[in-house]
Amino acid sequence: MSITTHNPLESLVTLEDVARTGWRNSAECKDTEPDLFFPVGQTGPAIAHIANAKAVCSECAVQIECLEYALMTNQDAGIWGGLTEDERRKIRRERRKQNRRV
């Protein structure tokens, strides 16, 4: 059995693809308290919130679609697709670098 992992630096879908799929209806978090995914800060109690949100995301069948949506629409707050704001910013920077090289 081979396991395929998603490299978030490579966008596999377009915003239209993500919007068209209705991925939100399949999201693991749809019935979870939204505050979990929008921790205040990155230290103290927020560390546990971030870990708990990422745990929900790790079990989600549409994690990639969620992450791509957040990256394509510049969601700058909260946990999306299992990544924090800082982690998504890093991906966007890397993608911009890659696009400049191409």
C-alpha atoms as a PDB file:
ATOM      1  CA  MET A   1       0.000   0.000   0.000  1.00  0.00           C
ATOM      2  CA  SER A   2       1.397   3.415  -0.888  1.00  0.00           C
ATOM      3  CA  ILE A   3       0.473   6.542   0.960  1.00  0.00           C
ATOM      4  CA  THR A   4       0.201   9.736  -1.037  1.00  0.00           C
ATOM      5  CA  THR A   5       0.801  12.960   0.815  1.00  0.00           C
ATOM      6  CA  HIS A   6      -0.230  16.409  -0.330  1.00  0.00           C
ATOM      7  CA  ASN A   7       2.523  18.961  -0.737  1.00  0.00           C
ATOM      8  CA  PRO A   8       0.791  22.219   0.209  1.00  0.00           C
ATOM      9  CA  LEU A   9       3.315  24.167  -1.840  1.00  0.00           C
ATOM     10  CA  GLU A  10       1.772  22.707  -4.964  1.00  0.00           C
ATOM     11  CA  SER A  11      -1.756  23.857  -5.669  1.00  0.00           C
ATOM     12  CA  LEU A  12      -3.663  20.950  -7.131  1.00  0.00           C
ATOM     13  CA  VAL A  13      -6.958  22.691  -7.699  1.00  0.00           C
ATOM     14  CA  THR A  14      -8.368  26.046  -8.723  1.00  0.00           C
ATOM     15  CA  LEU A  15     -10.641  28.202  -6.601  1.00  0.00           C
ATOM     16  CA  GLU A  16     -13.516  27.290  -8.908  1.00  0.00           C
ATOM     17  CA  ASP A  17     -12.824  23.594  -8.335  1.00  0.00           C
ATOM     18  CA  VAL A  18     -12.828  24.082  -4.589  1.00  0.00           C
ATOM     19  CA  ALA A  19     -16.006  26.173  -4.601  1.00  0.00           C
ATOM     20  CA  ARG A  20     -17.802  23.756  -6.927  1.00  0.00           C
ATOM     21  CA  THR A  21     -17.174  20.649  -4.828  1.00  0.00           C
ATOM     22  CA  GLY A  22     -19.267  21.746  -1.855  1.00  0.00           C
ATOM     23  CA  TRP A  23     -16.499  20.470   0.399  1.00  0.00           C
ATOM     24  CA  ARG A  24     -17.867  22.311   3.419  1.00  0.00           C
ATOM     25  CA  ASN A  25     -20.787  19.890   3.633  1.00  0.00           C
ATOM     26  CA  SER A  26     -18.282  17.074   4.172  1.00  0.00           C
ATOM     27  CA  ALA A  27     -16.011  18.945   6.575  1.00  0.00           C
ATOM     28  CA  GLU A  28     -15.318  17.221   9.870  1.00  0.00           C
ATOM     29  CA  CYS A  29     -15.605  20.586  11.620  1.00  0.00           C
ATOM     30  CA  LYS A  30     -19.055  21.529  10.365  1.00  0.00           C
ATOM     31  CA  ASP A  31     -20.673  20.510  13.660  1.00  0.00           C
ATOM     32  CA  THR A  32     -17.785  21.629  15.864  1.00  0.00           C
ATOM     33  CA  GLU A  33     -17.763  24.862  17.864  1.00  0.00           C
ATOM     34  CA  PRO A  34     -16.159  27.453  15.516  1.00  0.00           C
ATOM     35  CA  ASP A  35     -14.248  29.105  18.367  1.00  0.00           C
ATOM     36  CA  LEU A  36     -11.984  26.041  18.468  1.00  0.00           C
ATOM     37  CA  PHE A  37     -10.610  27.001  15.050  1.00  0.00           C
ATOM     38  CA  PHE A  38     -10.025  30.650  15.942  1.00  0.00           C
ATOM     39  CA  PRO A  39      -7.784  30.624  19.015  1.00  0.00           C
ATOM     40  CA  VAL A  40      -6.743  33.901  20.564  1.00  0.00           C
ATOM     41  CA  GLY A  41      -2.976  34.110  20.231  1.00  0.00           C
ATOM     42  CA  GLN A  42      -0.418  31.360  19.863  1.00  0.00           C
ATOM     43  CA  THR A  43       0.681  30.820  23.442  1.00  0.00           C
ATOM     44  CA  GLY A  44      -0.871  29.673  26.700  1.00  0.00           C
ATOM     45  CA  PRO A  45      -4.387  28.232  26.310  1.00  0.00           C
ATOM     46  CA  ALA A  46      -4.248  28.846  22.552  1.00  0.00           C
ATOM     47  CA  ILE A  47      -1.686  26.058  22.189  1.00  0.00           C
ATOM     48  CA  ALA A  48      -4.271  23.481  23.296  1.00  0.00           C
ATOM     49  CA  HIS A  49      -6.936  25.020  21.031  1.00  0.00           C
ATOM     50  CA  ILE A  50      -4.579  24.838  18.055  1.00  0.00           C
ATOM     51  CA  ALA A  51      -3.684  21.218  18.803  1.00  0.00           C
ATOM     52  CA  ASN A  52      -7.349  20.267  19.195  1.00  0.00           C
ATOM     53  CA  ALA A  53      -8.335  22.022  15.972  1.00  0.00           C
ATOM     54  CA  LYS A  54      -5.503  20.323  14.085  1.00  0.00           C
ATOM     55  CA  ALA A  55      -6.643  16.969  15.485  1.00  0.00           C
ATOM     56  CA  VAL A  56     -10.118  17.530  14.014  1.00  0.00           C
ATOM     57  CA  CYS A  57      -8.561  18.563  10.690  1.00  0.00           C
ATOM     58  CA  SER A  58      -6.328  15.496  10.610  1.00  0.00           C
ATOM     59  CA  GLU A  59      -9.432  13.275  10.533  1.00  0.00           C
ATOM     60  CA  CYS A  60     -11.170  15.298   7.822  1.00  0.00           C
ATOM     61  CA  ALA A  61     -11.782  13.903   4.344  1.00  0.00           C
ATOM     62  CA  VAL A  62     -11.728  17.380   2.792  1.00  0.00           C
ATOM     63  CA  GLN A  63      -8.669  18.788   4.540  1.00  0.00           C
ATOM     64  CA  ILE A  64      -6.873  19.536   1.252  1.00  0.00           C
ATOM     65  CA  GLU A  65      -9.880  21.353  -0.195  1.00  0.00           C
ATOM     66  CA  CYS A  66     -10.191  23.397   2.994  1.00  0.00           C
ATOM     67  CA  LEU A  67      -6.509  24.318   2.934  1.00  0.00           C
ATOM     68  CA  GLU A  68      -6.622  25.268  -0.742  1.00  0.00           C
ATOM     69  CA  TYR A  69      -9.704  27.404  -0.140  1.00  0.00           C
ATOM     70  CA  ALA A  70      -7.964  29.213   2.708  1.00  0.00           C
ATOM     71  CA  LEU A  71      -4.828  29.774   0.643  1.00  0.00           C
ATOM     72  CA  MET A  72      -6.706  30.954  -2.439  1.00  0.00           C
ATOM     73  CA  THR A  73      -8.971  33.313  -0.516  1.00  0.00           C
ATOM     74  CA  ASN A  74      -6.222  34.586   1.805  1.00  0.00           C
ATOM     75  CA  GLN A  75      -7.889  33.498   5.020  1.00  0.00           C
ATOM     76  CA  ASP A  76      -5.598  35.144   7.528  1.00  0.00           C
ATOM     77  CA  ALA A  77      -7.206  34.001  10.768  1.00  0.00           C
ATOM     78  CA  GLY A  78      -7.851  30.628  12.280  1.00  0.00           C
ATOM     79  CA  ILE A  79      -6.994  27.032  11.551  1.00  0.00           C
ATOM     80  CA  TRP A  80      -7.869  25.974   7.997  1.00  0.00           C
ATOM     81  CA  GLY A  81      -6.924  22.652   6.486  1.00  0.00           C
ATOM     82  CA  GLY A  82      -4.962  21.833   9.603  1.00  0.00           C
ATOM     83  CA  LEU A  83      -2.627  24.825   9.367  1.00  0.00           C
ATOM     84  CA  THR A  84      -2.275  28.011  11.379  1.00  0.00           C
ATOM     85  CA  GLU A  85      -2.099  31.527   9.962  1.00  0.00           C
ATOM     86  CA  ASP A  86       1.710  31.488  10.094  1.00  0.00           C
ATOM     87  CA  GLU A  87       1.938  28.087   8.412  1.00  0.00           C
ATOM     88  CA  ARG A  88      -0.338  29.261   5.577  1.00  0.00           C
ATOM     89  CA  ARG A  89       1.646  32.490   5.152  1.00  0.00           C
ATOM     90  CA  LYS A  90       4.798  30.421   4.707  1.00  0.00           C
ATOM     91  CA  ILE A  91       3.121  28.336   1.996  1.00  0.00           C
ATOM     92  CA  ARG A  92       1.906  31.455   0.175  1.00  0.00           C
ATOM     93  CA  ARG A  93       5.433  32.936   0.279  1.00  0.00           C
ATOM     94  CA  GLU A  94       6.939  29.701  -1.047  1.00  0.00           C
ATOM     95  CA  ARG A  95       4.362  29.470  -3.822  1.00  0.00           C
ATOM     96  CA  ARG A  96       5.104  33.061  -4.860  1.00  0.00           C
ATOM     97  CA  LYS A  97       8.827  32.232  -4.983  1.00  0.00           C
ATOM     98  CA  GLN A  98       8.155  29.155  -7.095  1.00  0.00           C
ATOM     99  CA  ASN A  99       5.898  31.097  -9.465  1.00  0.00           C
ATOM    100  CA  ARG A 100       8.604  33.728  -9.984  1.00  0.00           C
ATOM    101  CA  ARG A 101      11.080  31.021 -10.966  1.00  0.00           C
ATOM    102  CA  VAL A 102       8.757  29.514 -13.551  1.00  0.00           C
END
